[in-house]
N, C-alpha and C. Protein backbone atom coordinates (compact mmCIF):
# COMPACT_ATOMS: atom_id res chain seq x y z
N MET A 1 44.23 144.71 167.86
CA MET A 1 42.93 144.39 168.47
C MET A 1 42.34 143.12 167.86
N ILE A 2 41.73 142.30 168.68
CA ILE A 2 41.10 141.09 168.20
C ILE A 2 39.70 141.43 167.68
N THR A 3 39.35 140.86 166.52
CA THR A 3 38.04 141.12 165.95
C THR A 3 36.98 140.33 166.74
N GLU A 4 35.74 140.72 166.56
CA GLU A 4 34.65 140.04 167.25
C GLU A 4 34.57 138.58 166.81
N LEU A 5 34.81 138.32 165.50
CA LEU A 5 34.76 136.95 165.00
C LEU A 5 35.86 136.11 165.64
N ARG A 6 37.08 136.66 165.70
CA ARG A 6 38.18 135.91 166.30
C ARG A 6 37.91 135.67 167.79
N ARG A 7 37.28 136.63 168.44
CA ARG A 7 36.95 136.46 169.84
C ARG A 7 35.97 135.31 170.03
N GLU A 8 34.96 135.24 169.16
CA GLU A 8 33.97 134.17 169.24
C GLU A 8 34.62 132.81 168.98
N GLN A 9 35.56 132.79 168.02
CA GLN A 9 36.23 131.52 167.72
C GLN A 9 37.14 131.10 168.87
N LEU A 10 37.82 132.08 169.47
CA LEU A 10 38.69 131.79 170.61
C LEU A 10 37.89 131.20 171.76
N LEU A 11 36.73 131.78 172.02
CA LEU A 11 35.93 131.37 173.17
C LEU A 11 35.12 130.10 172.93
N ASN A 12 34.85 129.76 171.66
CA ASN A 12 33.91 128.68 171.38
C ASN A 12 34.49 127.48 170.64
N THR A 13 35.76 127.55 170.24
CA THR A 13 36.37 126.36 169.62
C THR A 13 36.45 125.25 170.65
N LEU A 14 36.01 124.06 170.27
CA LEU A 14 36.00 122.91 171.18
C LEU A 14 37.37 122.26 171.21
N VAL A 15 37.88 121.98 172.38
CA VAL A 15 39.19 121.36 172.54
C VAL A 15 39.06 120.14 173.44
N PHE A 16 39.56 119.00 172.95
CA PHE A 16 39.56 117.76 173.74
C PHE A 16 41.00 117.24 173.77
N GLU A 17 41.50 116.98 174.96
CA GLU A 17 42.90 116.60 175.11
C GLU A 17 43.04 115.29 175.88
N THR A 18 43.93 114.46 175.39
CA THR A 18 44.43 113.32 176.15
C THR A 18 45.84 113.70 176.57
N LEU A 19 45.98 114.14 177.80
CA LEU A 19 47.22 114.76 178.22
C LEU A 19 48.33 113.74 178.45
N GLY A 20 49.56 114.25 178.38
CA GLY A 20 50.74 113.41 178.54
C GLY A 20 51.69 113.67 177.39
N ALA A 21 52.88 113.14 177.49
CA ALA A 21 53.86 113.31 176.42
C ALA A 21 53.53 112.37 175.27
N PRO A 22 53.83 112.77 174.03
CA PRO A 22 53.63 111.85 172.90
C PRO A 22 54.40 110.55 173.13
N GLU A 23 53.86 109.48 172.64
CA GLU A 23 54.43 108.15 172.81
C GLU A 23 55.93 108.16 172.52
N ARG A 24 56.73 107.69 173.48
CA ARG A 24 58.18 107.72 173.31
C ARG A 24 58.66 106.67 172.31
N GLU A 25 58.09 105.48 172.41
CA GLU A 25 58.46 104.41 171.49
C GLU A 25 57.28 103.48 171.32
N ARG A 26 57.32 102.71 170.24
CA ARG A 26 56.22 101.78 169.97
C ARG A 26 56.84 100.49 169.44
N GLU A 27 56.29 99.37 169.89
CA GLU A 27 56.78 98.08 169.41
C GLU A 27 56.13 97.74 168.08
N PHE A 28 56.94 97.19 167.16
CA PHE A 28 56.44 96.82 165.84
C PHE A 28 56.87 95.39 165.51
N LYS A 29 56.14 94.80 164.58
CA LYS A 29 56.49 93.49 164.05
C LYS A 29 57.42 93.68 162.84
N ILE A 30 58.07 92.61 162.43
CA ILE A 30 59.00 92.70 161.31
C ILE A 30 58.27 93.07 160.02
N LYS A 31 56.99 92.70 159.91
CA LYS A 31 56.23 93.03 158.70
C LYS A 31 56.06 94.54 158.55
N SER A 32 56.08 95.27 159.67
CA SER A 32 55.99 96.73 159.58
C SER A 32 57.22 97.31 158.89
N LEU A 33 58.39 96.77 159.23
CA LEU A 33 59.63 97.22 158.60
C LEU A 33 59.53 97.04 157.08
N LYS A 34 58.98 95.90 156.67
CA LYS A 34 58.81 95.62 155.24
C LYS A 34 57.86 96.64 154.61
N LYS A 35 56.79 96.99 155.32
CA LYS A 35 55.83 97.95 154.79
C LYS A 35 56.43 99.34 154.69
N TRP A 36 57.47 99.63 155.46
CA TRP A 36 58.16 100.91 155.35
C TRP A 36 59.19 100.90 154.23
N GLY A 37 59.37 99.74 153.59
CA GLY A 37 60.28 99.66 152.45
C GLY A 37 61.63 99.05 152.75
N PHE A 38 61.77 98.35 153.90
CA PHE A 38 63.07 97.81 154.30
C PHE A 38 62.96 96.34 154.69
N ASP A 39 64.10 95.65 154.57
CA ASP A 39 64.25 94.29 155.07
C ASP A 39 65.16 94.31 156.29
N LEU A 40 64.96 93.35 157.18
CA LEU A 40 65.88 93.17 158.30
C LEU A 40 66.97 92.20 157.85
N VAL A 41 68.21 92.62 158.05
CA VAL A 41 69.35 91.88 157.53
C VAL A 41 70.29 91.50 158.67
N PHE A 42 70.81 90.27 158.60
CA PHE A 42 71.96 89.90 159.41
C PHE A 42 73.16 89.95 158.50
N GLY A 43 74.19 90.65 158.95
CA GLY A 43 75.36 90.80 158.09
C GLY A 43 76.52 91.40 158.83
N LYS A 44 77.35 92.13 158.10
CA LYS A 44 78.54 92.75 158.69
C LYS A 44 78.60 94.23 158.33
N LYS A 45 79.00 95.02 159.32
CA LYS A 45 79.26 96.45 159.10
C LYS A 45 80.70 96.70 159.51
N ASP A 46 81.50 97.07 158.51
CA ASP A 46 82.95 97.22 158.72
C ASP A 46 83.54 95.97 159.34
N GLY A 47 83.06 94.82 158.86
CA GLY A 47 83.61 93.53 159.27
C GLY A 47 83.04 92.94 160.54
N GLU A 48 82.20 93.67 161.27
CA GLU A 48 81.62 93.17 162.51
C GLU A 48 80.19 92.68 162.28
N GLU A 49 79.89 91.48 162.79
CA GLU A 49 78.56 90.91 162.63
C GLU A 49 77.53 91.70 163.43
N THR A 50 76.40 91.99 162.79
CA THR A 50 75.34 92.75 163.45
C THR A 50 74.07 92.65 162.63
N TYR A 51 73.04 93.35 163.06
CA TYR A 51 71.78 93.44 162.32
C TYR A 51 71.62 94.87 161.80
N PHE A 52 70.99 95.00 160.64
CA PHE A 52 70.68 96.32 160.11
C PHE A 52 69.54 96.22 159.10
N ALA A 53 68.94 97.34 158.79
CA ALA A 53 67.86 97.38 157.80
C ALA A 53 68.44 97.80 156.45
N ALA A 54 67.93 97.21 155.39
CA ALA A 54 68.42 97.51 154.05
C ALA A 54 67.26 97.49 153.07
N CYS A 55 67.43 98.20 151.99
CA CYS A 55 66.39 98.32 150.96
C CYS A 55 66.87 97.68 149.66
N ASP A 56 66.10 96.72 149.15
CA ASP A 56 66.39 96.08 147.86
C ASP A 56 67.77 95.44 147.82
N LYS A 57 68.12 94.72 148.88
CA LYS A 57 69.39 94.01 148.92
C LYS A 57 69.14 92.51 148.99
N LYS A 58 70.12 91.73 148.54
CA LYS A 58 70.00 90.28 148.61
C LYS A 58 71.25 89.70 149.23
N GLU A 59 71.18 88.42 149.60
CA GLU A 59 72.31 87.76 150.25
C GLU A 59 73.55 87.81 149.36
N GLY A 60 74.66 88.19 149.97
CA GLY A 60 75.91 88.30 149.25
C GLY A 60 76.25 89.71 148.79
N ASP A 61 75.28 90.61 148.82
CA ASP A 61 75.53 91.99 148.40
C ASP A 61 76.50 92.68 149.35
N LYS A 62 77.36 93.50 148.76
CA LYS A 62 78.27 94.35 149.54
C LYS A 62 78.12 95.79 149.03
N TYR A 63 78.04 96.72 149.96
CA TYR A 63 77.87 98.12 149.56
C TYR A 63 78.37 99.03 150.67
N THR A 64 78.57 100.30 150.31
CA THR A 64 79.02 101.30 151.27
C THR A 64 77.92 102.32 151.48
N GLU A 65 77.63 102.61 152.74
CA GLU A 65 76.61 103.58 153.09
C GLU A 65 77.11 104.40 154.28
N ASN A 66 77.11 105.72 154.10
CA ASN A 66 77.63 106.63 155.14
C ASN A 66 79.04 106.24 155.55
N ASP A 67 79.87 105.89 154.56
CA ASP A 67 81.28 105.53 154.77
C ASP A 67 81.46 104.26 155.58
N VAL A 68 80.40 103.44 155.66
CA VAL A 68 80.48 102.17 156.38
C VAL A 68 80.26 101.03 155.38
N GLU A 69 81.18 100.05 155.40
CA GLU A 69 81.06 98.89 154.52
C GLU A 69 80.01 97.92 155.05
N HIS A 70 79.04 97.56 154.20
CA HIS A 70 78.00 96.62 154.57
C HIS A 70 78.10 95.34 153.76
N GLU A 71 77.86 94.23 154.41
CA GLU A 71 77.79 92.94 153.72
C GLU A 71 76.54 92.20 154.18
N VAL A 72 75.71 91.79 153.23
CA VAL A 72 74.46 91.09 153.54
C VAL A 72 74.74 89.59 153.60
N VAL A 73 74.58 89.00 154.78
CA VAL A 73 74.75 87.56 154.96
C VAL A 73 73.41 86.84 154.79
N GLU A 74 72.36 87.40 155.41
CA GLU A 74 71.04 86.77 155.34
C GLU A 74 69.95 87.83 155.46
N VAL A 75 68.95 87.75 154.60
CA VAL A 75 67.75 88.59 154.70
C VAL A 75 66.74 87.83 155.54
N LEU A 76 66.42 88.37 156.71
CA LEU A 76 65.59 87.65 157.68
C LEU A 76 64.09 87.81 157.39
N LYS A 77 63.37 86.74 157.63
CA LYS A 77 61.91 86.76 157.48
C LYS A 77 61.21 86.86 158.83
N GLU A 78 61.94 86.61 159.91
CA GLU A 78 61.42 86.71 161.26
C GLU A 78 62.42 87.43 162.13
N LEU A 79 61.93 87.99 163.24
CA LEU A 79 62.84 88.61 164.20
C LEU A 79 63.73 87.55 164.82
N PRO A 80 64.98 87.89 165.10
CA PRO A 80 65.86 86.93 165.79
C PRO A 80 65.27 86.51 167.14
N LYS A 81 65.59 85.33 167.57
CA LYS A 81 65.06 84.79 168.83
C LYS A 81 65.38 85.72 170.00
N ASN A 82 64.40 85.93 170.84
CA ASN A 82 64.53 86.75 172.06
C ASN A 82 64.68 88.25 171.79
N LYS A 83 64.50 88.67 170.56
CA LYS A 83 64.60 90.10 170.25
C LYS A 83 63.24 90.66 169.85
N LYS A 84 63.00 91.90 170.25
CA LYS A 84 61.82 92.64 169.84
C LYS A 84 62.26 93.88 169.08
N MET A 85 61.36 94.41 168.25
CA MET A 85 61.69 95.59 167.45
C MET A 85 60.87 96.78 167.92
N PHE A 86 61.55 97.89 168.16
CA PHE A 86 60.91 99.12 168.59
C PHE A 86 61.31 100.26 167.64
N ALA A 87 60.49 101.30 167.63
CA ALA A 87 60.80 102.49 166.84
C ALA A 87 60.35 103.72 167.60
N LYS A 88 61.02 104.82 167.35
CA LYS A 88 60.65 106.09 167.98
C LYS A 88 61.05 107.23 167.04
N ILE A 89 60.58 108.41 167.38
CA ILE A 89 60.93 109.61 166.62
C ILE A 89 61.99 110.38 167.41
N GLU A 90 63.06 110.74 166.72
CA GLU A 90 64.10 111.59 167.30
C GLU A 90 64.15 112.89 166.50
N MET A 91 64.29 114.01 167.20
CA MET A 91 64.36 115.30 166.54
C MET A 91 65.81 115.74 166.40
N ILE A 92 66.20 116.07 165.17
CA ILE A 92 67.56 116.53 164.88
C ILE A 92 67.47 117.82 164.09
N GLU A 93 67.87 118.92 164.71
CA GLU A 93 67.86 120.24 164.08
C GLU A 93 66.51 120.55 163.44
N GLY A 94 65.46 120.26 164.19
CA GLY A 94 64.12 120.62 163.75
C GLY A 94 63.45 119.63 162.82
N ARG A 95 64.12 118.53 162.51
CA ARG A 95 63.52 117.54 161.60
C ARG A 95 63.36 116.20 162.32
N ALA A 96 62.24 115.54 162.04
CA ALA A 96 61.95 114.25 162.66
C ALA A 96 62.69 113.13 161.94
N HIS A 97 63.30 112.25 162.73
CA HIS A 97 63.97 111.07 162.19
C HIS A 97 63.36 109.81 162.81
N LEU A 98 63.23 108.78 161.98
CA LEU A 98 62.73 107.49 162.45
C LEU A 98 63.92 106.66 162.90
N TYR A 99 63.88 106.24 164.16
CA TYR A 99 64.97 105.47 164.76
C TYR A 99 64.40 104.11 165.13
N VAL A 100 64.93 103.04 164.51
CA VAL A 100 64.43 101.69 164.72
C VAL A 100 65.55 100.83 165.31
N TYR A 101 65.18 99.97 166.26
CA TYR A 101 66.21 99.19 166.95
C TYR A 101 65.63 97.87 167.46
N LEU A 102 66.51 96.89 167.58
CA LEU A 102 66.17 95.61 168.17
C LEU A 102 66.55 95.64 169.65
N ARG A 103 65.74 94.98 170.48
CA ARG A 103 66.01 94.98 171.92
C ARG A 103 66.00 93.56 172.46
N GLU A 104 67.02 93.29 173.26
CA GLU A 104 67.10 92.04 173.99
C GLU A 104 67.75 92.31 175.35
N ASP A 105 67.05 91.97 176.42
CA ASP A 105 67.57 92.19 177.78
C ASP A 105 68.01 93.63 177.99
N ASP A 106 67.18 94.57 177.57
CA ASP A 106 67.43 96.01 177.75
C ASP A 106 68.64 96.52 176.98
N ILE A 107 69.14 95.72 176.04
CA ILE A 107 70.24 96.16 175.17
C ILE A 107 69.66 96.43 173.78
N ASP A 108 69.86 97.65 173.28
CA ASP A 108 69.31 98.05 171.98
C ASP A 108 70.38 97.99 170.90
N THR A 109 69.99 97.43 169.76
CA THR A 109 70.86 97.38 168.58
C THR A 109 70.22 98.21 167.48
N PRO A 110 70.75 99.40 167.16
CA PRO A 110 70.15 100.23 166.11
C PRO A 110 70.22 99.53 164.75
N ILE A 111 69.11 99.60 164.00
CA ILE A 111 69.11 99.00 162.67
C ILE A 111 68.74 100.02 161.58
N LEU A 112 68.14 101.15 161.97
CA LEU A 112 67.72 102.13 160.96
C LEU A 112 67.59 103.50 161.61
N HIS A 113 68.11 104.52 160.93
CA HIS A 113 68.00 105.89 161.41
C HIS A 113 67.92 106.79 160.19
N VAL A 114 66.70 107.21 159.82
CA VAL A 114 66.48 107.95 158.58
C VAL A 114 65.46 109.07 158.81
N PRO A 115 65.46 110.12 157.96
CA PRO A 115 64.42 111.15 158.05
C PRO A 115 63.04 110.50 157.96
N ALA A 116 62.14 110.91 158.86
CA ALA A 116 60.85 110.22 158.98
C ALA A 116 59.84 110.61 157.92
N GLY A 117 59.90 111.86 157.43
CA GLY A 117 58.85 112.37 156.56
C GLY A 117 58.63 111.58 155.29
N GLU A 118 59.71 111.31 154.54
CA GLU A 118 59.56 110.61 153.27
C GLU A 118 59.09 109.17 153.48
N ILE A 119 59.61 108.52 154.51
CA ILE A 119 59.20 107.14 154.81
C ILE A 119 57.72 107.11 155.16
N LEU A 120 57.28 108.06 155.99
CA LEU A 120 55.88 108.09 156.40
C LEU A 120 54.96 108.35 155.21
N LEU A 121 55.31 109.32 154.36
CA LEU A 121 54.46 109.62 153.21
C LEU A 121 54.36 108.43 152.26
N ALA A 122 55.49 107.74 152.03
CA ALA A 122 55.46 106.57 151.16
C ALA A 122 54.58 105.47 151.76
N PHE A 123 54.66 105.30 153.08
CA PHE A 123 53.84 104.31 153.78
C PHE A 123 52.36 104.66 153.66
N LEU A 124 52.01 105.94 153.88
CA LEU A 124 50.62 106.37 153.79
C LEU A 124 50.07 106.23 152.38
N LYS A 125 50.90 106.56 151.38
CA LYS A 125 50.47 106.42 149.98
C LYS A 125 50.25 104.95 149.63
N LYS A 126 51.14 104.08 150.09
CA LYS A 126 51.03 102.65 149.78
C LYS A 126 49.71 102.09 150.28
N HIS A 127 49.26 102.56 151.43
CA HIS A 127 48.03 102.03 152.02
C HIS A 127 46.81 102.91 151.73
N LYS A 128 47.03 103.91 150.88
CA LYS A 128 45.93 104.79 150.43
C LYS A 128 45.22 105.49 151.59
N PHE A 129 46.01 105.95 152.57
CA PHE A 129 45.46 106.74 153.66
C PHE A 129 45.43 108.21 153.22
N ILE A 130 44.55 108.47 152.25
CA ILE A 130 44.52 109.75 151.56
C ILE A 130 44.15 110.90 152.50
N HIS A 131 43.25 110.66 153.42
CA HIS A 131 42.78 111.73 154.30
C HIS A 131 43.89 112.21 155.24
N ILE A 132 44.74 111.28 155.68
CA ILE A 132 45.89 111.69 156.49
C ILE A 132 46.87 112.49 155.65
N ILE A 133 47.14 112.01 154.44
CA ILE A 133 48.07 112.71 153.55
C ILE A 133 47.61 114.14 153.30
N GLU A 134 46.31 114.31 153.06
CA GLU A 134 45.78 115.65 152.79
C GLU A 134 45.83 116.55 154.02
N ALA A 135 45.75 115.94 155.21
CA ALA A 135 45.64 116.74 156.43
C ALA A 135 46.98 117.02 157.11
N ILE A 136 47.98 116.17 156.89
CA ILE A 136 49.22 116.31 157.65
C ILE A 136 49.97 117.58 157.24
N ARG A 137 50.41 118.33 158.26
CA ARG A 137 51.07 119.61 158.02
C ARG A 137 52.53 119.61 158.45
N ASN A 138 52.85 118.94 159.53
CA ASN A 138 54.23 118.87 160.00
C ASN A 138 54.40 117.67 160.91
N ILE A 139 55.66 117.26 161.07
CA ILE A 139 55.98 116.07 161.86
C ILE A 139 57.06 116.41 162.87
N GLY A 140 56.74 116.23 164.14
CA GLY A 140 57.73 116.28 165.21
C GLY A 140 57.55 115.02 166.02
N SER A 141 57.72 115.08 167.33
CA SER A 141 57.34 113.94 168.14
C SER A 141 55.83 113.72 168.04
N ALA A 142 55.11 114.81 167.78
CA ALA A 142 53.68 114.75 167.43
C ALA A 142 53.50 115.32 166.04
N ALA A 143 52.49 114.83 165.33
CA ALA A 143 52.18 115.31 163.99
C ALA A 143 50.92 116.16 164.03
N SER A 144 50.86 117.18 163.20
CA SER A 144 49.71 118.07 163.13
C SER A 144 48.87 117.73 161.90
N LEU A 145 47.60 117.40 162.13
CA LEU A 145 46.65 117.12 161.05
C LEU A 145 45.63 118.25 161.03
N VAL A 146 45.44 118.87 159.87
CA VAL A 146 44.54 120.02 159.76
C VAL A 146 43.59 119.80 158.58
N LYS A 147 42.29 120.03 158.84
CA LYS A 147 41.28 120.03 157.77
C LYS A 147 40.38 121.24 157.96
N LYS A 148 39.97 121.85 156.84
CA LYS A 148 39.04 122.96 156.92
C LYS A 148 38.24 123.03 155.63
N HIS A 149 37.06 123.63 155.74
CA HIS A 149 36.19 123.75 154.57
C HIS A 149 35.20 124.89 154.80
N GLY A 150 35.03 125.70 153.77
CA GLY A 150 34.03 126.76 153.81
C GLY A 150 34.45 127.99 154.58
N ASP A 151 33.55 128.96 154.58
CA ASP A 151 33.81 130.23 155.27
C ASP A 151 33.71 130.05 156.78
N GLU A 152 34.54 130.79 157.48
CA GLU A 152 34.52 130.72 158.94
C GLU A 152 33.36 131.55 159.49
N GLY A 153 32.99 131.24 160.72
CA GLY A 153 31.94 131.97 161.40
C GLY A 153 32.05 131.72 162.89
N LYS A 154 30.95 131.84 163.58
CA LYS A 154 30.94 131.54 165.02
C LYS A 154 30.77 130.03 165.20
N PRO A 155 31.68 129.40 165.96
CA PRO A 155 31.56 127.95 166.17
C PRO A 155 30.31 127.57 166.96
N LEU A 156 29.72 126.44 166.61
CA LEU A 156 28.59 125.92 167.35
C LEU A 156 29.08 125.29 168.65
N SER A 157 28.24 125.30 169.65
CA SER A 157 28.56 124.63 170.90
C SER A 157 28.46 123.12 170.70
N TYR A 158 28.97 122.35 171.65
CA TYR A 158 28.91 120.90 171.54
C TYR A 158 27.46 120.42 171.44
N GLU A 159 26.58 121.04 172.21
CA GLU A 159 25.17 120.63 172.21
C GLU A 159 24.50 120.88 170.86
N GLU A 160 25.03 121.84 170.08
CA GLU A 160 24.44 122.19 168.79
C GLU A 160 25.01 121.37 167.64
N LEU A 161 26.01 120.58 167.88
CA LEU A 161 26.67 119.86 166.79
C LEU A 161 25.74 118.81 166.16
N PRO A 162 25.76 118.70 164.82
CA PRO A 162 25.01 117.64 164.15
C PRO A 162 25.75 116.31 164.28
N PRO A 163 25.16 115.22 163.76
CA PRO A 163 25.75 113.88 163.96
C PRO A 163 27.19 113.70 163.45
N VAL A 164 27.55 114.27 162.30
CA VAL A 164 28.88 114.02 161.73
C VAL A 164 30.01 114.48 162.65
N PRO A 165 30.05 115.75 163.06
CA PRO A 165 31.13 116.14 163.96
C PRO A 165 31.07 115.45 165.31
N ARG A 166 29.90 115.12 165.80
CA ARG A 166 29.79 114.37 167.05
C ARG A 166 30.43 112.98 166.90
N ARG A 167 30.16 112.35 165.76
CA ARG A 167 30.72 111.02 165.50
C ARG A 167 32.23 111.09 165.39
N PHE A 168 32.72 112.14 164.70
CA PHE A 168 34.17 112.31 164.58
C PHE A 168 34.82 112.46 165.96
N LEU A 169 34.25 113.31 166.80
CA LEU A 169 34.82 113.52 168.13
C LEU A 169 34.80 112.24 168.96
N ARG A 170 33.73 111.50 168.86
CA ARG A 170 33.63 110.24 169.61
C ARG A 170 34.71 109.26 169.16
N ASP A 171 34.88 109.11 167.83
CA ASP A 171 35.87 108.17 167.31
C ASP A 171 37.29 108.66 167.61
N ALA A 172 37.52 109.96 167.46
CA ALA A 172 38.86 110.51 167.69
C ALA A 172 39.29 110.34 169.14
N LYS A 173 38.37 110.54 170.05
CA LYS A 173 38.71 110.39 171.47
C LYS A 173 39.04 108.94 171.81
N LYS A 174 38.36 107.98 171.17
CA LYS A 174 38.69 106.57 171.37
C LYS A 174 40.09 106.26 170.87
N ILE A 175 40.44 106.82 169.71
CA ILE A 175 41.77 106.59 169.15
C ILE A 175 42.84 107.22 170.04
N GLU A 176 42.56 108.41 170.54
CA GLU A 176 43.51 109.06 171.44
C GLU A 176 43.74 108.24 172.69
N LYS A 177 42.68 107.66 173.22
CA LYS A 177 42.82 106.83 174.41
C LYS A 177 43.72 105.65 174.12
N GLU A 178 43.60 105.07 172.92
CA GLU A 178 44.43 103.94 172.52
C GLU A 178 45.89 104.37 172.35
N MET A 179 46.11 105.58 171.82
CA MET A 179 47.47 106.08 171.61
C MET A 179 48.09 106.63 172.88
N GLY A 180 47.25 107.06 173.81
CA GLY A 180 47.75 107.63 175.05
C GLY A 180 48.10 109.10 174.98
N PHE A 181 47.82 109.73 173.85
CA PHE A 181 48.11 111.15 173.67
C PHE A 181 47.30 111.69 172.51
N GLY A 182 46.92 112.96 172.59
CA GLY A 182 46.27 113.61 171.46
C GLY A 182 45.64 114.92 171.88
N ARG A 183 45.39 115.75 170.90
CA ARG A 183 44.70 117.02 171.15
C ARG A 183 43.88 117.38 169.91
N ILE A 184 42.58 117.53 170.11
CA ILE A 184 41.67 117.88 169.02
C ILE A 184 41.12 119.28 169.27
N ALA A 185 41.20 120.14 168.26
CA ALA A 185 40.54 121.45 168.31
C ALA A 185 39.58 121.50 167.13
N LEU A 186 38.30 121.72 167.41
CA LEU A 186 37.28 121.72 166.36
C LEU A 186 36.41 122.96 166.47
N ALA A 187 36.35 123.70 165.37
CA ALA A 187 35.41 124.82 165.24
C ALA A 187 34.46 124.46 164.11
N TYR A 188 33.22 124.14 164.45
CA TYR A 188 32.22 123.76 163.45
C TYR A 188 31.25 124.92 163.29
N PHE A 189 31.18 125.45 162.06
CA PHE A 189 30.43 126.69 161.81
C PHE A 189 29.03 126.46 161.22
N GLY A 190 28.62 125.21 161.10
CA GLY A 190 27.32 124.94 160.49
C GLY A 190 27.47 124.65 159.01
N GLU A 191 26.41 124.75 158.26
CA GLU A 191 26.41 124.45 156.82
C GLU A 191 26.22 125.73 156.00
N ASN A 192 26.73 125.69 154.76
CA ASN A 192 26.48 126.80 153.85
C ASN A 192 25.15 126.61 153.14
N LYS A 193 24.84 127.48 152.19
CA LYS A 193 23.54 127.42 151.52
C LYS A 193 23.37 126.16 150.69
N SER A 194 24.49 125.53 150.33
CA SER A 194 24.42 124.29 149.55
C SER A 194 24.36 123.05 150.42
N GLY A 195 24.31 123.27 151.73
CA GLY A 195 24.24 122.15 152.65
C GLY A 195 25.58 121.51 152.97
N GLU A 196 26.70 122.19 152.60
CA GLU A 196 28.03 121.65 152.88
C GLU A 196 28.52 122.15 154.23
N ALA A 197 29.22 121.28 154.95
CA ALA A 197 29.72 121.62 156.27
C ALA A 197 30.82 122.68 156.18
N ARG A 198 30.79 123.61 157.12
CA ARG A 198 31.87 124.60 157.26
C ARG A 198 32.55 124.33 158.60
N TYR A 199 33.86 124.14 158.57
CA TYR A 199 34.55 123.76 159.80
C TYR A 199 36.06 124.02 159.68
N TRP A 200 36.70 123.98 160.82
CA TRP A 200 38.17 123.98 160.91
C TRP A 200 38.53 123.04 162.04
N LEU A 201 39.47 122.12 161.80
CA LEU A 201 39.90 121.23 162.87
C LEU A 201 41.40 121.00 162.80
N GLU A 202 41.99 120.85 163.95
CA GLU A 202 43.40 120.47 164.07
C GLU A 202 43.49 119.32 165.05
N TRP A 203 44.25 118.30 164.66
CA TRP A 203 44.39 117.10 165.49
C TRP A 203 45.87 116.79 165.64
N MET A 204 46.35 116.80 166.87
CA MET A 204 47.73 116.43 167.17
C MET A 204 47.75 114.97 167.60
N VAL A 205 48.60 114.17 166.94
CA VAL A 205 48.73 112.75 167.26
C VAL A 205 50.21 112.39 167.34
N PRO A 206 50.57 111.32 168.08
CA PRO A 206 51.98 110.91 168.13
C PRO A 206 52.45 110.48 166.74
N SER A 207 53.55 111.04 166.28
CA SER A 207 54.02 110.72 164.93
C SER A 207 54.33 109.24 164.77
N ILE A 208 54.91 108.62 165.80
CA ILE A 208 55.28 107.21 165.67
C ILE A 208 54.05 106.34 165.50
N ALA A 209 52.89 106.77 166.01
CA ALA A 209 51.67 105.98 165.87
C ALA A 209 51.21 105.93 164.42
N LEU A 210 51.56 106.94 163.62
CA LEU A 210 51.16 106.96 162.22
C LEU A 210 51.88 105.88 161.41
N PHE A 211 52.98 105.34 161.94
CA PHE A 211 53.68 104.25 161.27
C PHE A 211 53.03 102.89 161.55
N ASP A 212 52.02 102.89 162.41
CA ASP A 212 51.27 101.68 162.73
C ASP A 212 50.06 101.63 161.80
N GLU A 213 49.98 100.61 160.97
CA GLU A 213 48.93 100.53 159.95
C GLU A 213 47.53 100.57 160.55
N GLN A 214 47.31 99.85 161.65
CA GLN A 214 45.97 99.80 162.26
C GLN A 214 45.57 101.16 162.82
N ILE A 215 46.51 101.85 163.46
CA ILE A 215 46.21 103.17 164.01
C ILE A 215 45.93 104.16 162.88
N SER A 216 46.77 104.16 161.86
CA SER A 216 46.58 105.09 160.74
C SER A 216 45.25 104.83 160.02
N GLN A 217 44.87 103.57 159.93
CA GLN A 217 43.59 103.24 159.30
C GLN A 217 42.43 103.86 160.07
N LYS A 218 42.50 103.80 161.40
CA LYS A 218 41.45 104.38 162.23
C LYS A 218 41.42 105.90 162.12
N ILE A 219 42.60 106.52 162.12
CA ILE A 219 42.68 107.98 161.99
C ILE A 219 42.15 108.42 160.64
N ASP A 220 42.54 107.72 159.58
CA ASP A 220 42.09 108.06 158.24
C ASP A 220 40.58 107.95 158.13
N LYS A 221 40.02 106.91 158.70
CA LYS A 221 38.56 106.72 158.68
C LYS A 221 37.84 107.83 159.43
N ALA A 222 38.42 108.23 160.58
CA ALA A 222 37.80 109.31 161.36
C ALA A 222 37.84 110.62 160.57
N LEU A 223 38.96 110.93 159.94
CA LEU A 223 39.07 112.17 159.15
C LEU A 223 38.11 112.16 157.97
N ALA A 224 37.82 110.97 157.46
CA ALA A 224 36.91 110.85 156.31
C ALA A 224 35.48 111.26 156.65
N GLU A 225 35.16 111.39 157.94
CA GLU A 225 33.83 111.86 158.34
C GLU A 225 33.56 113.25 157.78
N PHE A 226 34.64 114.06 157.71
CA PHE A 226 34.51 115.41 157.17
C PHE A 226 34.89 115.42 155.70
N LYS A 227 33.99 115.87 154.87
CA LYS A 227 34.24 115.90 153.43
C LYS A 227 35.08 117.12 153.06
């Protein structure tokens, strides 16, 4: 049986959705690759010239990775002419992987394929996006961000919300519109006797968008509305 409190929360939790599938891919600049801890390299893999991403390598280095011989010919500072860089999240046996590739004339050249979680956390820590780090719970094609504080109760209606949660919802909906996908669930229970907010919120966002510094900065700032 559902309790009366759970019934009230079920009926009164506010939900705002930007419907659609999570972003399939996102275009990035070469500086983003650097911020994720990698350089773009022109070199050879098993003797064939190609592009790939590498960490802490210099020109002339040779190494083996995943049974493939790599040789670094040049560490690039700009994207090759006529090529753009894209990234997306791929799911493999329940785990999110970051897949990065160069594109020219609808032909994709893979340069990086690694588990996404550790790369994302290192990126968030580097830029001090503490509120995202504290809130993130899991990563798939969409990531789940959860924050809560204080004892639960009956959620307030939208009309009863004070300025802070209203401001959060306004900012979050703008960010979702920019990302093209999102789902916010907010149960705001009012304040405790000490004047502290009591709330529970869950925010689903496209995981690949969190690798974008500007988007993550906006999400982190919005989450910071709630102490």
